[in-house]
Amino acid sequence: MSTQDWTYGTLSILTKKQQAYQYIRDGILSGKYPGQYRLREEHLAGELKVSRGPLREAISQLASEGLLEKVPGLGVYVRQNGSEELSELYEIREALESFAAGKAARRMSTDDLATLDRIVDEMHAIAKSFQAAPSEALARQQRSRWLQADLAFHNLIVHVAENGRIERVLEEFRVLSQTFRNKQQDPTISDAGAYLSNLASAYRDHRRILRALQRHDSQAAQSWMSTHIRRARNRTMRLLGHLNSAED
């Protein structure tokens, strides 16, 4: 149990504002509140059993972090990133995470490498199971498993690099990009060939990054991480363009 979850009777370590902040933020990350979703203060206050004051403070903080948008006269909405914002976020991620990978290559322990190897093996198993019995239902089920494995892989590398500021910036990227991911309907999910191609490409990138880390080759780790994130950016931009065209 985390420190944040600990309670003594009805008194929580978190303040009411912190509780509201964490609740809304977790809702955005989980997809409960997707991009462009309208948050209603009266509903949130009832769910959290907090007054409007702490709730509005939490909303203001989330708005300052770019997760929420206050529209005068219309309410508060989960912010939906546009193509330009997403592209900029990916550029920042590429610069920071490739640097972190290069630094982590010099620090990787045997246990760290074993954990990364297990994660990449899990990705391979997901791709193989889909190849054996491709279906849209299976793709949607696997997508969650794949994203969890992908997140664990990248988070461990950044953590080993031991730079708290980079970790915080990349966490912000993850939250901001999640508002897009939760809203998107990936058209490749219904296309078995395209979906398998995406899985295979991402798996190969992760394996190449891991091999560079196993050799403690900072330059190769940095280069492959940069290539991997650039590919993810290009695919996301194509998908956003597809979604925007469908909405027009």
C-alpha atoms as a PDB file:
ATOM      1  CA  MET A   1       0.000   0.000   0.000  1.00  0.00           C
ATOM      2  CA  SER A   2       1.421   3.383  -0.963  1.00  0.00           C
ATOM      3  CA  THR A   3       1.788   6.331   1.388  1.00  0.00           C
ATOM      4  CA  GLN A   4      -0.864   8.176  -0.584  1.00  0.00           C
ATOM      5  CA  ASP A   5      -3.403   5.389  -0.045  1.00  0.00           C
ATOM      6  CA  TRP A   6      -2.829   5.111   3.720  1.00  0.00           C
ATOM      7  CA  THR A   7      -5.685   6.293   5.908  1.00  0.00           C
ATOM      8  CA  TYR A   8      -6.272   6.395   9.653  1.00  0.00           C
ATOM      9  CA  GLY A   9      -9.978   6.282  10.340  1.00  0.00           C
ATOM     10  CA  THR A  10     -11.484   8.914   8.071  1.00  0.00           C
ATOM     11  CA  LEU A  11      -8.408  11.165   8.076  1.00  0.00           C
ATOM     12  CA  SER A  12      -6.238  10.770   4.999  1.00  0.00           C
ATOM     13  CA  ILE A  13      -2.630  11.932   4.714  1.00  0.00           C
ATOM     14  CA  LEU A  14      -3.631  13.731   1.531  1.00  0.00           C
ATOM     15  CA  THR A  15      -5.363  17.080   1.756  1.00  0.00           C
ATOM     16  CA  LYS A  16      -8.766  17.458   0.113  1.00  0.00           C
ATOM     17  CA  LYS A  17      -7.166  19.354  -2.744  1.00  0.00           C
ATOM     18  CA  GLN A  18      -4.562  16.606  -3.228  1.00  0.00           C
ATOM     19  CA  GLN A  19      -7.250  13.936  -3.168  1.00  0.00           C
ATOM     20  CA  ALA A  20      -9.241  15.755  -5.838  1.00  0.00           C
ATOM     21  CA  TYR A  21      -6.111  16.374  -7.926  1.00  0.00           C
ATOM     22  CA  GLN A  22      -5.088  12.714  -7.815  1.00  0.00           C
ATOM     23  CA  TYR A  23      -8.616  11.472  -8.505  1.00  0.00           C
ATOM     24  CA  ILE A  24      -9.056  13.594 -11.623  1.00  0.00           C
ATOM     25  CA  ARG A  25      -5.520  12.939 -12.860  1.00  0.00           C
ATOM     26  CA  ASP A  26      -5.965   9.181 -12.438  1.00  0.00           C
ATOM     27  CA  GLY A  27      -9.268   9.466 -14.307  1.00  0.00           C
ATOM     28  CA  ILE A  28      -7.474  11.064 -17.246  1.00  0.00           C
ATOM     29  CA  LEU A  29      -4.740   8.410 -17.251  1.00  0.00           C
ATOM     30  CA  SER A  30      -7.179   5.510 -17.049  1.00  0.00           C
ATOM     31  CA  GLY A  31      -9.368   6.849 -19.844  1.00  0.00           C
ATOM     32  CA  LYS A  32     -12.349   7.512 -17.592  1.00  0.00           C
ATOM     33  CA  TYR A  33     -12.062  11.153 -18.668  1.00  0.00           C
ATOM     34  CA  PRO A  34     -10.897  11.168 -22.321  1.00  0.00           C
ATOM     35  CA  GLY A  35      -9.920  14.215 -24.332  1.00  0.00           C
ATOM     36  CA  GLN A  36     -12.708  16.827 -24.665  1.00  0.00           C
ATOM     37  CA  TYR A  37     -14.660  15.264 -21.776  1.00  0.00           C
ATOM     38  CA  ARG A  38     -16.524  17.866 -19.696  1.00  0.00           C
ATOM     39  CA  LEU A  39     -15.907  17.704 -15.944  1.00  0.00           C
ATOM     40  CA  ARG A  40     -18.885  18.735 -13.811  1.00  0.00           C
ATOM     41  CA  GLU A  41     -17.917  20.199 -10.455  1.00  0.00           C
ATOM     42  CA  GLU A  42     -21.141  19.166  -8.741  1.00  0.00           C
ATOM     43  CA  HIS A  43     -20.657  15.514  -9.708  1.00  0.00           C
ATOM     44  CA  LEU A  44     -17.004  15.465  -8.686  1.00  0.00           C
ATOM     45  CA  ALA A  45     -17.753  17.159  -5.364  1.00  0.00           C
ATOM     46  CA  GLY A  46     -20.376  14.513  -4.627  1.00  0.00           C
ATOM     47  CA  GLU A  47     -18.119  11.606  -5.619  1.00  0.00           C
ATOM     48  CA  LEU A  48     -15.176  12.890  -3.589  1.00  0.00           C
ATOM     49  CA  LYS A  49     -17.239  14.377  -0.730  1.00  0.00           C
ATOM     50  CA  VAL A  50     -15.271  17.612  -0.876  1.00  0.00           C
ATOM     51  CA  SER A  51     -16.342  21.242  -1.052  1.00  0.00           C
ATOM     52  CA  ARG A  52     -16.003  23.337  -4.199  1.00  0.00           C
ATOM     53  CA  GLY A  53     -12.968  25.225  -2.844  1.00  0.00           C
ATOM     54  CA  PRO A  54     -10.419  22.361  -2.774  1.00  0.00           C
ATOM     55  CA  LEU A  55     -11.924  20.952  -5.963  1.00  0.00           C
ATOM     56  CA  ARG A  56     -11.446  24.227  -7.830  1.00  0.00           C
ATOM     57  CA  GLU A  57      -7.869  24.479  -6.557  1.00  0.00           C
ATOM     58  CA  ALA A  58      -7.172  20.992  -7.942  1.00  0.00           C
ATOM     59  CA  ILE A  59      -8.782  21.903 -11.261  1.00  0.00           C
ATOM     60  CA  SER A  60      -6.687  25.084 -11.471  1.00  0.00           C
ATOM     61  CA  GLN A  61      -3.494  23.101 -10.877  1.00  0.00           C
ATOM     62  CA  LEU A  62      -4.402  20.554 -13.540  1.00  0.00           C
ATOM     63  CA  ALA A  63      -5.234  23.387 -15.931  1.00  0.00           C
ATOM     64  CA  SER A  64      -1.820  24.978 -15.283  1.00  0.00           C
ATOM     65  CA  GLU A  65      -0.211  21.619 -16.095  1.00  0.00           C
ATOM     66  CA  GLY A  66      -2.034  21.485 -19.422  1.00  0.00           C
ATOM     67  CA  LEU A  67      -4.392  18.623 -18.584  1.00  0.00           C
ATOM     68  CA  LEU A  68      -7.598  20.639 -18.255  1.00  0.00           C
ATOM     69  CA  GLU A  69      -8.944  23.641 -20.093  1.00  0.00           C
ATOM     70  CA  LYS A  70     -11.354  26.203 -18.641  1.00  0.00           C
ATOM     71  CA  VAL A  71     -13.757  27.500 -21.273  1.00  0.00           C
ATOM     72  CA  PRO A  72     -15.535  30.682 -20.066  1.00  0.00           C
ATOM     73  CA  GLY A  73     -19.260  30.141 -19.821  1.00  0.00           C
ATOM     74  CA  LEU A  74     -19.012  26.501 -20.919  1.00  0.00           C
ATOM     75  CA  GLY A  75     -17.139  24.691 -18.137  1.00  0.00           C
ATOM     76  CA  VAL A  76     -13.990  22.638 -17.644  1.00  0.00           C
ATOM     77  CA  TYR A  77     -12.828  20.110 -20.236  1.00  0.00           C
ATOM     78  CA  VAL A  78     -10.064  17.533 -20.460  1.00  0.00           C
ATOM     79  CA  ARG A  79      -7.642  19.041 -22.909  1.00  0.00           C
ATOM     80  CA  GLN A  80      -7.290  17.390 -26.293  1.00  0.00           C
ATOM     81  CA  ASN A  81      -3.823  17.834 -27.762  1.00  0.00           C
ATOM     82  CA  GLY A  82      -3.623  18.895 -31.392  1.00  0.00           C
ATOM     83  CA  SER A  83      -1.110  17.656 -33.924  1.00  0.00           C
ATOM     84  CA  GLU A  84       1.363  20.487 -33.348  1.00  0.00           C
ATOM     85  CA  GLU A  85       1.351  20.008 -29.570  1.00  0.00           C
ATOM     86  CA  LEU A  86       1.757  16.244 -29.861  1.00  0.00           C
ATOM     87  CA  SER A  87       4.610  16.636 -32.316  1.00  0.00           C
ATOM     88  CA  GLU A  88       6.403  19.009 -29.931  1.00  0.00           C
ATOM     89  CA  LEU A  89       5.873  16.604 -27.023  1.00  0.00           C
ATOM     90  CA  TYR A  90       7.391  13.759 -29.016  1.00  0.00           C
ATOM     91  CA  GLU A  91      10.404  15.899 -29.931  1.00  0.00           C
ATOM     92  CA  ILE A  92      11.000  16.618 -26.249  1.00  0.00           C
ATOM     93  CA  ARG A  93      10.546  12.961 -25.394  1.00  0.00           C
ATOM     94  CA  GLU A  94      13.008  11.869 -28.089  1.00  0.00           C
ATOM     95  CA  ALA A  95      15.687  14.259 -26.848  1.00  0.00           C
ATOM     96  CA  LEU A  96      15.320  13.398 -23.165  1.00  0.00           C
ATOM     97  CA  GLU A  97      14.665   9.687 -23.364  1.00  0.00           C
ATOM     98  CA  SER A  98      17.439   8.967 -25.844  1.00  0.00           C
ATOM     99  CA  PHE A  99      19.830  10.847 -23.531  1.00  0.00           C
ATOM    100  CA  ALA A 100      18.530   8.797 -20.589  1.00  0.00           C
ATOM    101  CA  ALA A 101      19.058   5.551 -22.517  1.00  0.00           C
ATOM    102  CA  GLY A 102      22.664   6.486 -23.226  1.00  0.00           C
ATOM    103  CA  LYS A 103      23.251   7.274 -19.575  1.00  0.00           C
ATOM    104  CA  ALA A 104      21.427   4.149 -18.388  1.00  0.00           C
ATOM    105  CA  ALA A 105      23.606   1.927 -20.588  1.00  0.00           C
ATOM    106  CA  ARG A 106      26.545   2.668 -18.288  1.00  0.00           C
ATOM    107  CA  ARG A 107      24.522   1.935 -15.139  1.00  0.00           C
ATOM    108  CA  MET A 108      22.479  -1.151 -16.017  1.00  0.00           C
ATOM    109  CA  SER A 109      22.771  -3.955 -13.472  1.00  0.00           C
ATOM    110  CA  THR A 110      22.329  -7.648 -14.192  1.00  0.00           C
ATOM    111  CA  ASP A 111      18.919  -7.549 -12.489  1.00  0.00           C
ATOM    112  CA  ASP A 112      17.831  -4.511 -14.525  1.00  0.00           C
ATOM    113  CA  LEU A 113      18.788  -6.221 -17.773  1.00  0.00           C
ATOM    114  CA  ALA A 114      16.999  -9.413 -16.745  1.00  0.00           C
ATOM    115  CA  THR A 115      13.825  -7.419 -16.059  1.00  0.00           C
ATOM    116  CA  LEU A 116      14.019  -5.697 -19.445  1.00  0.00           C
ATOM    117  CA  ASP A 117      14.591  -9.042 -21.130  1.00  0.00           C
ATOM    118  CA  ARG A 118      11.432 -10.460 -19.524  1.00  0.00           C
ATOM    119  CA  ILE A 119       9.437  -7.430 -20.670  1.00  0.00           C
ATOM    120  CA  VAL A 120      10.641  -7.782 -24.266  1.00  0.00           C
ATOM    121  CA  ASP A 121       9.848 -11.510 -24.156  1.00  0.00           C
ATOM    122  CA  GLU A 122       6.309 -10.594 -23.078  1.00  0.00           C
ATOM    123  CA  MET A 123       6.022  -8.283 -26.098  1.00  0.00           C
ATOM    124  CA  HIS A 124       7.152 -11.102 -28.356  1.00  0.00           C
ATOM    125  CA  ALA A 125       4.558 -13.453 -26.824  1.00  0.00           C
ATOM    126  CA  ILE A 126       1.800 -10.896 -27.436  1.00  0.00           C
ATOM    127  CA  ALA A 127       2.796 -10.545 -31.086  1.00  0.00           C
ATOM    128  CA  LYS A 128       3.013 -14.332 -31.551  1.00  0.00           C
ATOM    129  CA  SER A 129      -0.398 -14.963 -30.001  1.00  0.00           C
ATOM    130  CA  PHE A 130      -1.966 -12.423 -32.336  1.00  0.00           C
ATOM    131  CA  GLN A 131      -0.205 -13.912 -35.341  1.00  0.00           C
ATOM    132  CA  ALA A 132      -1.614 -17.335 -34.426  1.00  0.00           C
ATOM    133  CA  ALA A 133      -5.226 -16.162 -34.129  1.00  0.00           C
ATOM    134  CA  PRO A 134      -5.677 -12.605 -35.453  1.00  0.00           C
ATOM    135  CA  SER A 135      -8.951 -10.899 -34.603  1.00  0.00           C
ATOM    136  CA  GLU A 136     -10.119  -7.406 -33.711  1.00  0.00           C
ATOM    137  CA  ALA A 137     -11.311  -8.581 -30.293  1.00  0.00           C
ATOM    138  CA  LEU A 138      -7.896 -10.084 -29.502  1.00  0.00           C
ATOM    139  CA  ALA A 139      -6.131  -6.955 -30.731  1.00  0.00           C
ATOM    140  CA  ARG A 140      -8.145  -4.757 -28.381  1.00  0.00           C
ATOM    141  CA  GLN A 141      -7.451  -7.104 -25.487  1.00  0.00           C
ATOM    142  CA  GLN A 142      -3.729  -7.234 -26.214  1.00  0.00           C
ATOM    143  CA  ARG A 143      -3.404  -3.507 -26.711  1.00  0.00           C
ATOM    144  CA  SER A 144      -3.691  -2.899 -22.968  1.00  0.00           C
ATOM    145  CA  ARG A 145      -1.095  -5.580 -22.171  1.00  0.00           C
ATOM    146  CA  TRP A 146       1.265  -4.189 -24.795  1.00  0.00           C
ATOM    147  CA  LEU A 147       0.989  -0.613 -23.519  1.00  0.00           C
ATOM    148  CA  GLN A 148       1.680  -1.764 -19.957  1.00  0.00           C
ATOM    149  CA  ALA A 149       4.775  -3.672 -21.053  1.00  0.00           C
ATOM    150  CA  ASP A 150       5.964  -0.746 -23.174  1.00  0.00           C
ATOM    151  CA  LEU A 151       5.542   1.663 -20.264  1.00  0.00           C
ATOM    152  CA  ALA A 152       7.431  -0.643 -17.880  1.00  0.00           C
ATOM    153  CA  PHE A 153      10.307  -0.953 -20.366  1.00  0.00           C
ATOM    154  CA  HIS A 154      10.725   2.786 -20.870  1.00  0.00           C
ATOM    155  CA  ASN A 155      10.174   3.699 -17.214  1.00  0.00           C
ATOM    156  CA  LEU A 156      12.877   1.311 -16.013  1.00  0.00           C
ATOM    157  CA  ILE A 157      15.457   2.718 -18.428  1.00  0.00           C
ATOM    158  CA  VAL A 158      14.705   6.296 -17.386  1.00  0.00           C
ATOM    159  CA  HIS A 159      14.767   5.307 -13.713  1.00  0.00           C
ATOM    160  CA  VAL A 160      18.207   3.688 -14.058  1.00  0.00           C
ATOM    161  CA  ALA A 161      19.512   6.912 -15.619  1.00  0.00           C
ATOM    162  CA  GLU A 162      18.910   8.537 -12.211  1.00  0.00           C
ATOM    163  CA  ASN A 163      17.708  11.943 -13.327  1.00  0.00           C
ATOM    164  CA  GLY A 164      14.590  12.967 -11.443  1.00  0.00           C
ATOM    165  CA  ARG A 165      13.869  15.979 -13.619  1.00  0.00           C
ATOM    166  CA  ILE A 166      13.823  13.881 -16.776  1.00  0.00           C
ATOM    167  CA  GLU A 167      11.515  11.391 -15.072  1.00  0.00           C
ATOM    168  CA  ARG A 168       9.077  14.165 -14.150  1.00  0.00           C
ATOM    169  CA  VAL A 169       9.056  15.713 -17.631  1.00  0.00           C
ATOM    170  CA  LEU A 170       8.498  12.323 -19.278  1.00  0.00           C
ATOM    171  CA  GLU A 171       5.687  11.561 -16.828  1.00  0.00           C
ATOM    172  CA  GLU A 172       4.054  14.810 -17.931  1.00  0.00           C
ATOM    173  CA  PHE A 173       4.400  13.698 -21.556  1.00  0.00           C
ATOM    174  CA  ARG A 174       2.733  10.392 -20.718  1.00  0.00           C
ATOM    175  CA  VAL A 175      -0.231  12.074 -19.063  1.00  0.00           C
ATOM    176  CA  LEU A 176      -0.699  14.665 -21.811  1.00  0.00           C
ATOM    177  CA  SER A 177      -0.437  12.109 -24.606  1.00  0.00           C
ATOM    178  CA  GLN A 178      -2.870   9.827 -22.773  1.00  0.00           C
ATOM    179  CA  THR A 179      -5.731  12.261 -23.416  1.00  0.00           C
ATOM    180  CA  PHE A 180      -5.199  11.575 -27.124  1.00  0.00           C
ATOM    181  CA  ARG A 181      -4.626   7.838 -26.748  1.00  0.00           C
ATOM    182  CA  ASN A 182      -7.821   7.306 -24.773  1.00  0.00           C
ATOM    183  CA  LYS A 183      -9.909   9.048 -27.436  1.00  0.00           C
ATOM    184  CA  GLN A 184      -8.361   7.509 -30.510  1.00  0.00           C
ATOM    185  CA  GLN A 185      -9.848   4.546 -32.341  1.00  0.00           C
ATOM    186  CA  ASP A 186      -6.821   2.960 -33.940  1.00  0.00           C
ATOM    187  CA  PRO A 187      -7.914   1.899 -37.444  1.00  0.00           C
ATOM    188  CA  THR A 188      -5.127  -0.690 -37.632  1.00  0.00           C
ATOM    189  CA  ILE A 189      -6.820  -2.734 -34.895  1.00  0.00           C
ATOM    190  CA  SER A 190      -9.372  -3.949 -37.446  1.00  0.00           C
ATOM    191  CA  ASP A 191      -6.608  -4.585 -40.006  1.00  0.00           C
ATOM    192  CA  ALA A 192      -4.748  -7.732 -38.914  1.00  0.00           C
ATOM    193  CA  GLY A 193      -1.810  -7.222 -41.271  1.00  0.00           C
ATOM    194  CA  ALA A 194      -1.214  -3.579 -40.282  1.00  0.00           C
ATOM    195  CA  TYR A 195      -1.634  -4.318 -36.579  1.00  0.00           C
ATOM    196  CA  LEU A 196       0.841  -7.222 -36.673  1.00  0.00           C
ATOM    197  CA  SER A 197       3.295  -5.069 -38.624  1.00  0.00           C
ATOM    198  CA  ASN A 198       3.139  -2.385 -35.914  1.00  0.00           C
ATOM    199  CA  LEU A 199       3.713  -4.946 -33.163  1.00  0.00           C
ATOM    200  CA  ALA A 200       6.642  -6.514 -35.002  1.00  0.00           C
ATOM    201  CA  SER A 201       8.303  -3.165 -35.693  1.00  0.00           C
ATOM    202  CA  ALA A 202       7.983  -2.016 -32.081  1.00  0.00           C
ATOM    203  CA  TYR A 203       9.207  -5.373 -30.783  1.00  0.00           C
ATOM    204  CA  ARG A 204      12.329  -5.186 -32.972  1.00  0.00           C
ATOM    205  CA  ASP A 205      13.067  -1.665 -31.732  1.00  0.00           C
ATOM    206  CA  HIS A 206      12.810  -2.746 -28.094  1.00  0.00           C
ATOM    207  CA  ARG A 207      15.047  -5.742 -28.721  1.00  0.00           C
ATOM    208  CA  ARG A 208      17.684  -3.533 -30.400  1.00  0.00           C
ATOM    209  CA  ILE A 209      17.615  -1.085 -27.501  1.00  0.00           C
ATOM    210  CA  LEU A 210      18.000  -3.973 -25.055  1.00  0.00           C
ATOM    211  CA  ARG A 211      20.972  -5.424 -26.943  1.00  0.00           C
ATOM    212  CA  ALA A 212      22.732  -2.059 -26.820  1.00  0.00           C
ATOM    213  CA  LEU A 213      22.065  -1.845 -23.082  1.00  0.00           C
ATOM    214  CA  GLN A 214      23.387  -5.386 -22.580  1.00  0.00           C
ATOM    215  CA  ARG A 215      26.623  -4.337 -24.280  1.00  0.00           C
ATOM    216  CA  HIS A 216      26.668  -1.152 -22.171  1.00  0.00           C
ATOM    217  CA  ASP A 217      26.949   0.699 -25.486  1.00  0.00           C
ATOM    218  CA  SER A 218      25.751   4.219 -24.699  1.00  0.00           C
ATOM    219  CA  GLN A 219      25.928   5.500 -28.263  1.00  0.00           C
ATOM    220  CA  ALA A 220      23.919   2.613 -29.705  1.00  0.00           C
ATOM    221  CA  ALA A 221      21.342   2.749 -26.897  1.00  0.00           C
ATOM    222  CA  GLN A 222      20.847   6.460 -27.464  1.00  0.00           C
ATOM    223  CA  SER A 223      20.607   6.055 -31.236  1.00  0.00           C
ATOM    224  CA  TRP A 224      18.102   3.187 -31.167  1.00  0.00           C
ATOM    225  CA  MET A 225      15.935   4.904 -28.575  1.00  0.00           C
ATOM    226  CA  SER A 226      15.838   8.029 -30.719  1.00  0.00           C
ATOM    227  CA  THR A 227      14.875   5.982 -33.791  1.00  0.00           C
ATOM    228  CA  HIS A 228      12.170   4.120 -31.859  1.00  0.00           C
ATOM    229  CA  ILE A 229      10.516   7.274 -30.515  1.00  0.00           C
ATOM    230  CA  ARG A 230      10.713   8.998 -33.889  1.00  0.00           C
ATOM    231  CA  ARG A 231       8.881   6.058 -35.453  1.00  0.00           C
ATOM    232  CA  ALA A 232       6.224   6.244 -32.735  1.00  0.00           C
ATOM    233  CA  ARG A 233       5.862   9.964 -33.389  1.00  0.00           C
ATOM    234  CA  ASN A 234       5.436   9.451 -37.139  1.00  0.00           C
ATOM    235  CA  ARG A 235       2.815   6.767 -36.623  1.00  0.00           C
ATOM    236  CA  THR A 236       0.915   8.918 -34.111  1.00  0.00           C
ATOM    237  CA  MET A 237       0.929  11.879 -36.495  1.00  0.00           C
ATOM    238  CA  ARG A 238      -0.418   9.708 -39.310  1.00  0.00           C
ATOM    239  CA  LEU A 239      -3.131   8.375 -37.029  1.00  0.00           C
ATOM    240  CA  LEU A 240      -4.098  11.863 -35.879  1.00  0.00           C
ATOM    241  CA  GLY A 241      -4.322  12.977 -39.495  1.00  0.00           C
ATOM    242  CA  HIS A 242      -6.582  10.008 -40.235  1.00  0.00           C
ATOM    243  CA  LEU A 243      -8.846  10.808 -37.301  1.00  0.00           C
ATOM    244  CA  ASN A 244      -9.045  14.493 -38.193  1.00  0.00           C
ATOM    245  CA  SER A 245      -9.964  13.616 -41.792  1.00  0.00           C
ATOM    246  CA  ALA A 246     -12.705  11.286 -40.562  1.00  0.00           C
ATOM    247  CA  GLU A 247     -14.187  14.033 -38.382  1.00  0.00           C
ATOM    248  CA  ASP A 248     -14.279  16.614 -41.207  1.00  0.00           C
END
